[in-house]
Amino acid sequence: PILEASGSLIKTLVESNLASSNSEATRFISEGS
């Protein structure tokens, strides 16, 4: 995926389909992945 930055890292992770939800994105970040 190639996309414009959404402002927040969490939102960008979800929009790029690297995370399925905000909570999953937050978990990935806290796990260091």
Full PDB file with SEQRES, HELIX, SHEET, SSBOND, CRYST1, ORIGX, SCALE, CONECT and MASTER records, all heavy atoms in Angstrom:
SEQRES   1 A   33  PRO ILE LEU GLU ALA SER GLY SER LEU ILE LYS THR LEU          
SEQRES   2 A   33  VAL GLU SER ASN LEU ALA SER SER ASN SER GLU ALA THR          
SEQRES   3 A   33  ARG PHE ILE SER GLU GLY SER                                  
HELIX    1 AA1 LEU A    9  GLU A   15  1                                   7    
HELIX    2 AA2 ASN A   22  GLU A   31  1                                  10    
CRYST1    1.000    1.000    1.000  90.00  90.00  90.00 P 1           1          
ORIGX1      1.000000  0.000000  0.000000        0.00000                         
ORIGX2      0.000000  1.000000  0.000000        0.00000                         
ORIGX3      0.000000  0.000000  1.000000        0.00000                         
SCALE1      1.000000  0.000000  0.000000        0.00000                         
SCALE2      0.000000  1.000000  0.000000        0.00000                         
SCALE3      0.000000  0.000000  1.000000        0.00000                         
ATOM      1  N   PRO A   1       0.826  -1.210   0.000  1.00  0.00           N  
ATOM      2  CA  PRO A   1       0.000   0.000   0.000  1.00  0.00           C  
ATOM      3  C   PRO A   1       0.863   1.265   0.000  1.00  0.00           C  
ATOM      4  O   PRO A   1       1.894   1.315   0.652  1.00  0.00           O  
ATOM      5  CB  PRO A   1      -0.789  -0.091   1.313  1.00  0.00           C  
ATOM      6  CG  PRO A   1      -0.599  -1.471   1.826  1.00  0.00           C  
ATOM      7  CD  PRO A   1       0.639  -2.017   1.203  1.00  0.00           C  
ATOM      8  N   ILE A   2       0.424   2.255  -0.752  1.00  0.00           N  
ATOM      9  CA  ILE A   2       1.066   3.572  -0.751  1.00  0.00           C  
ATOM     10  C   ILE A   2      -0.027   4.575  -0.439  1.00  0.00           C  
ATOM     11  O   ILE A   2      -1.065   4.588  -1.099  1.00  0.00           O  
ATOM     12  CB  ILE A   2       1.735   3.875  -2.097  1.00  0.00           C  
ATOM     13  CG1 ILE A   2       2.843   2.848  -2.360  1.00  0.00           C  
ATOM     14  CG2 ILE A   2       2.288   5.292  -2.116  1.00  0.00           C  
ATOM     15  CD1 ILE A   2       3.567   3.022  -3.668  1.00  0.00           C  
ATOM     16  N   LEU A   3       0.187   5.377   0.601  1.00  0.00           N  
ATOM     17  CA  LEU A   3      -0.853   6.292   1.036  1.00  0.00           C  
ATOM     18  C   LEU A   3      -0.278   7.564   1.623  1.00  0.00           C  
ATOM     19  O   LEU A   3       0.907   7.626   1.944  1.00  0.00           O  
ATOM     20  CB  LEU A   3      -1.768   5.607   2.046  1.00  0.00           C  
ATOM     21  CG  LEU A   3      -1.147   5.170   3.380  1.00  0.00           C  
ATOM     22  CD1 LEU A   3      -2.223   5.162   4.440  1.00  0.00           C  
ATOM     23  CD2 LEU A   3      -0.548   3.788   3.270  1.00  0.00           C  
ATOM     24  N   GLU A   4      -1.130   8.551   1.758  1.00  0.00           N  
ATOM     25  CA  GLU A   4      -0.762   9.811   2.407  1.00  0.00           C  
ATOM     26  C   GLU A   4      -0.840   9.610   3.918  1.00  0.00           C  
ATOM     27  O   GLU A   4      -1.721   8.893   4.411  1.00  0.00           O  
ATOM     28  CB  GLU A   4      -1.727  10.925   1.997  1.00  0.00           C  
ATOM     29  CG  GLU A   4      -1.682  11.305   0.539  1.00  0.00           C  
ATOM     30  CD  GLU A   4      -0.481  12.157   0.177  1.00  0.00           C  
ATOM     31  OE1 GLU A   4       0.013  12.908   1.043  1.00  0.00           O  
ATOM     32  OE2 GLU A   4      -0.033  12.061  -0.984  1.00  0.00           O  
ATOM     33  N   ALA A   5       0.044  10.259   4.653  1.00  0.00           N  
ATOM     34  CA  ALA A   5       0.000  10.193   6.112  1.00  0.00           C  
ATOM     35  C   ALA A   5      -1.316  10.776   6.608  1.00  0.00           C  
ATOM     36  O   ALA A   5      -1.782  11.792   6.106  1.00  0.00           O  
ATOM     37  CB  ALA A   5       1.176  10.956   6.713  1.00  0.00           C  
ATOM     38  N   SER A   6      -1.916  10.106   7.582  1.00  0.00           N  
ATOM     39  CA  SER A   6      -3.231  10.502   8.081  1.00  0.00           C  
ATOM     40  C   SER A   6      -3.168  11.431   9.273  1.00  0.00           C  
ATOM     41  O   SER A   6      -4.191  11.779   9.831  1.00  0.00           O  
ATOM     42  CB  SER A   6      -4.007   9.254   8.501  1.00  0.00           C  
ATOM     43  OG  SER A   6      -4.116   8.367   7.443  1.00  0.00           O  
ATOM     44  N   GLY A   7      -2.008  11.798   9.682  1.00  0.00           N  
ATOM     45  CA  GLY A   7      -1.892  12.615  10.880  1.00  0.00           C  
ATOM     46  C   GLY A   7      -1.438  11.773  12.054  1.00  0.00           C  
ATOM     47  O   GLY A   7      -0.432  12.042  12.651  1.00  0.00           O  
ATOM     48  N   SER A   8      -2.169  10.708  12.350  1.00  0.00           N  
ATOM     49  CA  SER A   8      -1.761   9.865  13.472  1.00  0.00           C  
ATOM     50  C   SER A   8      -1.196   8.541  12.962  1.00  0.00           C  
ATOM     51  O   SER A   8      -1.634   8.003  11.936  1.00  0.00           O  
ATOM     52  CB  SER A   8      -2.945   9.597  14.410  1.00  0.00           C  
ATOM     53  OG  SER A   8      -3.698   8.495  14.002  1.00  0.00           O  
ATOM     54  N   LEU A   9      -0.221   8.043  13.680  1.00  0.00           N  
ATOM     55  CA  LEU A   9       0.407   6.773  13.348  1.00  0.00           C  
ATOM     56  C   LEU A   9      -0.613   5.643  13.416  1.00  0.00           C  
ATOM     57  O   LEU A   9      -0.650   4.780  12.529  1.00  0.00           O  
ATOM     58  CB  LEU A   9       1.580   6.511  14.298  1.00  0.00           C  
ATOM     59  CG  LEU A   9       2.288   5.169  14.152  1.00  0.00           C  
ATOM     60  CD1 LEU A   9       2.840   4.989  12.742  1.00  0.00           C  
ATOM     61  CD2 LEU A   9       3.408   5.067  15.176  1.00  0.00           C  
ATOM     62  N   ILE A  10      -1.453   5.649  14.432  1.00  0.00           N  
ATOM     63  CA  ILE A  10      -2.452   4.587  14.598  1.00  0.00           C  
ATOM     64  C   ILE A  10      -3.404   4.561  13.404  1.00  0.00           C  
ATOM     65  O   ILE A  10      -3.661   3.505  12.815  1.00  0.00           O  
ATOM     66  CB  ILE A  10      -3.218   4.756  15.928  1.00  0.00           C  
ATOM     67  CG1 ILE A  10      -2.272   4.450  17.085  1.00  0.00           C  
ATOM     68  CG2 ILE A  10      -4.446   3.871  15.970  1.00  0.00           C  
ATOM     69  CD1 ILE A  10      -2.840   4.709  18.453  1.00  0.00           C  
ATOM     70  N   LYS A  11      -3.897   5.719  13.020  1.00  0.00           N  
ATOM     71  CA  LYS A  11      -4.820   5.796  11.887  1.00  0.00           C  
ATOM     72  C   LYS A  11      -4.143   5.328  10.597  1.00  0.00           C  
ATOM     73  O   LYS A  11      -4.737   4.631   9.781  1.00  0.00           O  
ATOM     74  CB  LYS A  11      -5.338   7.230  11.744  1.00  0.00           C  
ATOM     75  CG  LYS A  11      -6.437   7.391  10.734  1.00  0.00           C  
ATOM     76  CD  LYS A  11      -6.989   8.808  10.755  1.00  0.00           C  
ATOM     77  CE  LYS A  11      -8.080   8.973   9.716  1.00  0.00           C  
ATOM     78  NZ  LYS A  11      -8.546  10.351   9.635  1.00  0.00           N  
ATOM     79  N   THR A  12      -2.880   5.696  10.411  1.00  0.00           N  
ATOM     80  CA  THR A  12      -2.139   5.286   9.218  1.00  0.00           C  
ATOM     81  C   THR A  12      -1.933   3.775   9.194  1.00  0.00           C  
ATOM     82  O   THR A  12      -2.047   3.146   8.137  1.00  0.00           O  
ATOM     83  CB  THR A  12      -0.789   6.026   9.141  1.00  0.00           C  
ATOM     84  OG1 THR A  12      -1.027   7.437   9.175  1.00  0.00           O  
ATOM     85  CG2 THR A  12      -0.043   5.672   7.869  1.00  0.00           C  
ATOM     86  N   LEU A  13      -1.657   3.173  10.349  1.00  0.00           N  
ATOM     87  CA  LEU A  13      -1.517   1.708  10.416  1.00  0.00           C  
ATOM     88  C   LEU A  13      -2.809   1.017   9.990  1.00  0.00           C  
ATOM     89  O   LEU A  13      -2.784   0.032   9.253  1.00  0.00           O  
ATOM     90  CB  LEU A  13      -1.121   1.266  11.830  1.00  0.00           C  
ATOM     91  CG  LEU A  13       0.342   1.413  12.195  1.00  0.00           C  
ATOM     92  CD1 LEU A  13       0.532   1.306  13.701  1.00  0.00           C  
ATOM     93  CD2 LEU A  13       1.186   0.376  11.473  1.00  0.00           C  
ATOM     94  N   VAL A  14      -3.934   1.538  10.432  1.00  0.00           N  
ATOM     95  CA  VAL A  14      -5.232   0.941  10.087  1.00  0.00           C  
ATOM     96  C   VAL A  14      -5.536   1.172   8.609  1.00  0.00           C  
ATOM     97  O   VAL A  14      -5.935   0.239   7.900  1.00  0.00           O  
ATOM     98  CB  VAL A  14      -6.357   1.493  10.992  1.00  0.00           C  
ATOM     99  CG1 VAL A  14      -7.711   0.993  10.534  1.00  0.00           C  
ATOM    100  CG2 VAL A  14      -6.105   1.089  12.451  1.00  0.00           C  
ATOM    101  N   GLU A  15      -5.342   2.401   8.112  1.00  0.00           N  
ATOM    102  CA  GLU A  15      -5.638   2.715   6.710  1.00  0.00           C  
ATOM    103  C   GLU A  15      -4.768   1.918   5.740  1.00  0.00           C  
ATOM    104  O   GLU A  15      -5.181   1.626   4.627  1.00  0.00           O  
ATOM    105  CB  GLU A  15      -5.475   4.207   6.447  1.00  0.00           C  
ATOM    106  CG  GLU A  15      -6.597   5.028   7.044  1.00  0.00           C  
ATOM    107  CD  GLU A  15      -6.429   6.522   6.809  1.00  0.00           C  
ATOM    108  OE1 GLU A  15      -5.426   6.935   6.175  1.00  0.00           O  
ATOM    109  OE2 GLU A  15      -7.302   7.269   7.265  1.00  0.00           O  
ATOM    110  N   SER A  16      -3.571   1.555   6.171  1.00  0.00           N  
ATOM    111  CA  SER A  16      -2.669   0.791   5.311  1.00  0.00           C  
ATOM    112  C   SER A  16      -2.896  -0.720   5.427  1.00  0.00           C  
ATOM    113  O   SER A  16      -2.224  -1.497   4.765  1.00  0.00           O  
ATOM    114  CB  SER A  16      -1.217   1.105   5.674  1.00  0.00           C  
ATOM    115  OG  SER A  16      -0.942   0.655   6.988  1.00  0.00           O  
ATOM    116  N   ASN A  17      -3.840  -1.115   6.284  1.00  0.00           N  
ATOM    117  CA  ASN A  17      -4.143  -2.527   6.555  1.00  0.00           C  
ATOM    118  C   ASN A  17      -2.998  -3.263   7.243  1.00  0.00           C  
ATOM    119  O   ASN A  17      -2.931  -4.488   7.198  1.00  0.00           O  
ATOM    120  CB  ASN A  17      -4.559  -3.272   5.281  1.00  0.00           C  
ATOM    121  CG  ASN A  17      -5.887  -2.787   4.764  1.00  0.00           C  
ATOM    122  OD1 ASN A  17      -6.797  -2.526   5.527  1.00  0.00           O  
ATOM    123  ND2 ASN A  17      -5.987  -2.643   3.461  1.00  0.00           N  
ATOM    124  N   LEU A  18      -2.098  -2.520   7.885  1.00  0.00           N  
ATOM    125  CA  LEU A  18      -1.070  -3.152   8.705  1.00  0.00           C  
ATOM    126  C   LEU A  18      -1.614  -3.489  10.088  1.00  0.00           C  
ATOM    127  O   LEU A  18      -1.000  -4.239  10.837  1.00  0.00           O  
ATOM    128  CB  LEU A  18       0.162  -2.254   8.812  1.00  0.00           C  
ATOM    129  CG  LEU A  18       0.914  -2.000   7.502  1.00  0.00           C  
ATOM    130  CD1 LEU A  18       2.113  -1.094   7.740  1.00  0.00           C  
ATOM    131  CD2 LEU A  18       1.336  -3.296   6.846  1.00  0.00           C  
ATOM    132  N   ALA A  19      -2.769  -2.938  10.408  1.00  0.00           N  
ATOM    133  CA  ALA A  19      -3.504  -3.266  11.635  1.00  0.00           C  
ATOM    134  C   ALA A  19      -4.986  -3.223  11.281  1.00  0.00           C  
ATOM    135  O   ALA A  19      -5.412  -2.422  10.449  1.00  0.00           O  
ATOM    136  CB  ALA A  19      -3.186  -2.267  12.743  1.00  0.00           C  
ATOM    137  N   SER A  20      -5.752  -4.091  11.926  1.00  0.00           N  
ATOM    138  CA  SER A  20      -7.177  -4.162  11.593  1.00  0.00           C  
ATOM    139  C   SER A  20      -8.033  -3.192  12.409  1.00  0.00           C  
ATOM    140  O   SER A  20      -9.184  -2.950  12.064  1.00  0.00           O  
ATOM    141  CB  SER A  20      -7.683  -5.596  11.783  1.00  0.00           C  
ATOM    142  OG  SER A  20      -7.510  -5.992  13.124  1.00  0.00           O  
ATOM    143  N   SER A  21      -7.476  -2.643  13.494  1.00  0.00           N  
ATOM    144  CA  SER A  21      -8.228  -1.719  14.340  1.00  0.00           C  
ATOM    145  C   SER A  21      -7.256  -0.801  15.082  1.00  0.00           C  
ATOM    146  O   SER A  21      -6.056  -1.069  15.130  1.00  0.00           O  
ATOM    147  CB  SER A  21      -9.070  -2.497  15.357  1.00  0.00           C  
ATOM    148  OG  SER A  21      -8.221  -3.178  16.267  1.00  0.00           O  
ATOM    149  N   ASN A  22      -7.799   0.250  15.674  1.00  0.00           N  
ATOM    150  CA  ASN A  22      -6.965   1.158  16.473  1.00  0.00           C  
ATOM    151  C   ASN A  22      -6.319   0.431  17.642  1.00  0.00           C  
ATOM    152  O   ASN A  22      -5.152   0.657  17.957  1.00  0.00           O  
ATOM    153  CB  ASN A  22      -7.801   2.334  16.993  1.00  0.00           C  
ATOM    154  CG  ASN A  22      -8.217   3.280  15.887  1.00  0.00           C  
ATOM    155  OD1 ASN A  22      -7.761   3.178  14.755  1.00  0.00           O  
ATOM    156  ND2 ASN A  22      -9.100   4.208  16.217  1.00  0.00           N  
ATOM    157  N   SER A  23      -7.082  -0.462  18.296  1.00  0.00           N  
ATOM    158  CA  SER A  23      -6.521  -1.172  19.448  1.00  0.00           C  
ATOM    159  C   SER A  23      -5.416  -2.137  19.010  1.00  0.00           C  
ATOM    160  O   SER A  23      -4.405  -2.277  19.700  1.00  0.00           O  
ATOM    161  CB  SER A  23      -7.617  -1.913  20.221  1.00  0.00           C  
ATOM    162  OG  SER A  23      -8.269  -2.858  19.410  1.00  0.00           O  
ATOM    163  N   GLU A  24      -5.588  -2.779  17.852  1.00  0.00           N  
ATOM    164  CA  GLU A  24      -4.529  -3.663  17.362  1.00  0.00           C  
ATOM    165  C   GLU A  24      -3.286  -2.840  17.004  1.00  0.00           C  
ATOM    166  O   GLU A  24      -2.160  -3.248  17.308  1.00  0.00           O  
ATOM    167  CB  GLU A  24      -5.001  -4.459  16.145  1.00  0.00           C  
ATOM    168  CG  GLU A  24      -3.973  -5.479  15.687  1.00  0.00           C  
ATOM    169  CD  GLU A  24      -4.447  -6.340  14.534  1.00  0.00           C  
ATOM    170  OE1 GLU A  24      -4.807  -5.784  13.475  1.00  0.00           O  
ATOM    171  OE2 GLU A  24      -4.446  -7.575  14.707  1.00  0.00           O  
ATOM    172  N   ALA A  25      -3.477  -1.685  16.385  1.00  0.00           N  
ATOM    173  CA  ALA A  25      -2.353  -0.813  16.051  1.00  0.00           C  
ATOM    174  C   ALA A  25      -1.604  -0.387  17.318  1.00  0.00           C  
ATOM    175  O   ALA A  25      -0.369  -0.422  17.361  1.00  0.00           O  
ATOM    176  CB  ALA A  25      -2.850   0.411  15.293  1.00  0.00           C  
ATOM    177  N   THR A  26      -2.344  -0.016  18.350  1.00  0.00           N  
ATOM    178  CA  THR A  26      -1.739   0.372  19.622  1.00  0.00           C  
ATOM    179  C   THR A  26      -0.943  -0.783  20.224  1.00  0.00           C  
ATOM    180  O   THR A  26       0.166  -0.592  20.728  1.00  0.00           O  
ATOM    181  CB  THR A  26      -2.826   0.856  20.610  1.00  0.00           C  
ATOM    182  OG1 THR A  26      -3.551   1.933  19.995  1.00  0.00           O  
ATOM    183  CG2 THR A  26      -2.224   1.323  21.923  1.00  0.00           C  
ATOM    184  N   ARG A  27      -1.501  -1.986  20.141  1.00  0.00           N  
ATOM    185  CA  ARG A  27      -0.816  -3.174  20.665  1.00  0.00           C  
ATOM    186  C   ARG A  27       0.471  -3.438  19.886  1.00  0.00           C  
ATOM    187  O   ARG A  27       1.528  -3.707  20.473  1.00  0.00           O  
ATOM    188  CB  ARG A  27      -1.740  -4.395  20.615  1.00  0.00           C  
ATOM    189  CG  ARG A  27      -1.126  -5.646  21.236  1.00  0.00           C  
ATOM    190  CD  ARG A  27      -2.131  -6.790  21.390  1.00  0.00           C  
ATOM    191  NE  ARG A  27      -2.925  -7.054  20.205  1.00  0.00           N  
ATOM    192  CZ  ARG A  27      -2.548  -7.846  19.191  1.00  0.00           C  
ATOM    193  NH1 ARG A  27      -1.379  -8.433  19.218  1.00  0.00           N  
ATOM    194  NH2 ARG A  27      -3.349  -8.036  18.166  1.00  0.00           N  
ATOM    195  N   PHE A  28       0.427  -3.356  18.562  1.00  0.00           N  
ATOM    196  CA  PHE A  28       1.632  -3.567  17.751  1.00  0.00           C  
ATOM    197  C   PHE A  28       2.725  -2.577  18.131  1.00  0.00           C  
ATOM    198  O   PHE A  28       3.898  -2.930  18.239  1.00  0.00           O  
ATOM    199  CB  PHE A  28       1.325  -3.435  16.254  1.00  0.00           C  
ATOM    200  CG  PHE A  28       0.534  -4.578  15.665  1.00  0.00           C  
ATOM    201  CD1 PHE A  28      -0.328  -4.344  14.606  1.00  0.00           C  
ATOM    202  CD2 PHE A  28       0.655  -5.871  16.140  1.00  0.00           C  
ATOM    203  CE1 PHE A  28      -1.049  -5.381  14.033  1.00  0.00           C  
ATOM    204  CE2 PHE A  28      -0.069  -6.923  15.579  1.00  0.00           C  
ATOM    205  CZ  PHE A  28      -0.918  -6.668  14.521  1.00  0.00           C  
ATOM    206  N   ILE A  29       2.330  -1.319  18.340  1.00  0.00           N  
ATOM    207  CA  ILE A  29       3.299  -0.291  18.713  1.00  0.00           C  
ATOM    208  C   ILE A  29       3.902  -0.601  20.084  1.00  0.00           C  
ATOM    209  O   ILE A  29       5.115  -0.560  20.268  1.00  0.00           O  
ATOM    210  CB  ILE A  29       2.648   1.109  18.697  1.00  0.00           C  
ATOM    211  CG1 ILE A  29       2.298   1.498  17.263  1.00  0.00           C  
ATOM    212  CG2 ILE A  29       3.565   2.147  19.343  1.00  0.00           C  
ATOM    213  CD1 ILE A  29       1.386   2.705  17.137  1.00  0.00           C  
ATOM    214  N   SER A  30       3.057  -0.960  21.055  1.00  0.00           N  
ATOM    215  CA  SER A  30       3.564  -1.240  22.411  1.00  0.00           C  
ATOM    216  C   SER A  30       4.433  -2.496  22.451  1.00  0.00           C  
ATOM    217  O   SER A  30       5.331  -2.597  23.276  1.00  0.00           O  
ATOM    218  CB  SER A  30       2.403  -1.351  23.409  1.00  0.00           C  
ATOM    219  OG  SER A  30       1.631  -2.496  23.149  1.00  0.00           O  
ATOM    220  N   GLU A  31       4.187  -3.432  21.542  1.00  0.00           N  
ATOM    221  CA  GLU A  31       5.006  -4.653  21.475  1.00  0.00           C  
ATOM    222  C   GLU A  31       6.326  -4.429  20.740  1.00  0.00           C  
ATOM    223  O   GLU A  31       7.179  -5.312  20.691  1.00  0.00           O  
ATOM    224  CB  GLU A  31       4.232  -5.774  20.772  1.00  0.00           C  
ATOM    225  CG  GLU A  31       3.060  -6.292  21.563  1.00  0.00           C  
ATOM    226  CD  GLU A  31       2.184  -7.262  20.763  1.00  0.00           C  
ATOM    227  OE1 GLU A  31       2.381  -7.381  19.522  1.00  0.00           O  
ATOM    228  OE2 GLU A  31       1.311  -7.884  21.374  1.00  0.00           O  
ATOM    229  N   GLY A  32       6.481  -3.264  20.122  1.00  0.00           N  
ATOM    230  CA  GLY A  32       7.716  -2.957  19.410  1.00  0.00           C  
ATOM    231  C   GLY A  32       7.804  -3.562  18.024  1.00  0.00           C  
ATOM    232  O   GLY A  32       8.904  -3.734  17.496  1.00  0.00           O  
ATOM    233  N   SER A  33       6.667  -3.885  17.433  1.00  0.00           N  
ATOM    234  CA  SER A  33       6.710  -4.520  16.107  1.00  0.00           C  
ATOM    235  C   SER A  33       6.468  -3.544  14.961  1.00  0.00           C  
ATOM    236  O   SER A  33       6.291  -3.962  13.824  1.00  0.00           O  
ATOM    237  CB  SER A  33       5.706  -5.672  16.042  1.00  0.00           C  
ATOM    238  OG  SER A  33       4.390  -5.205  16.205  1.00  0.00           O  
TER     239      SER A  33                                                      
MASTER        0    0    0    2    0    0    0    6  238    1    0    3          
END                                                                             
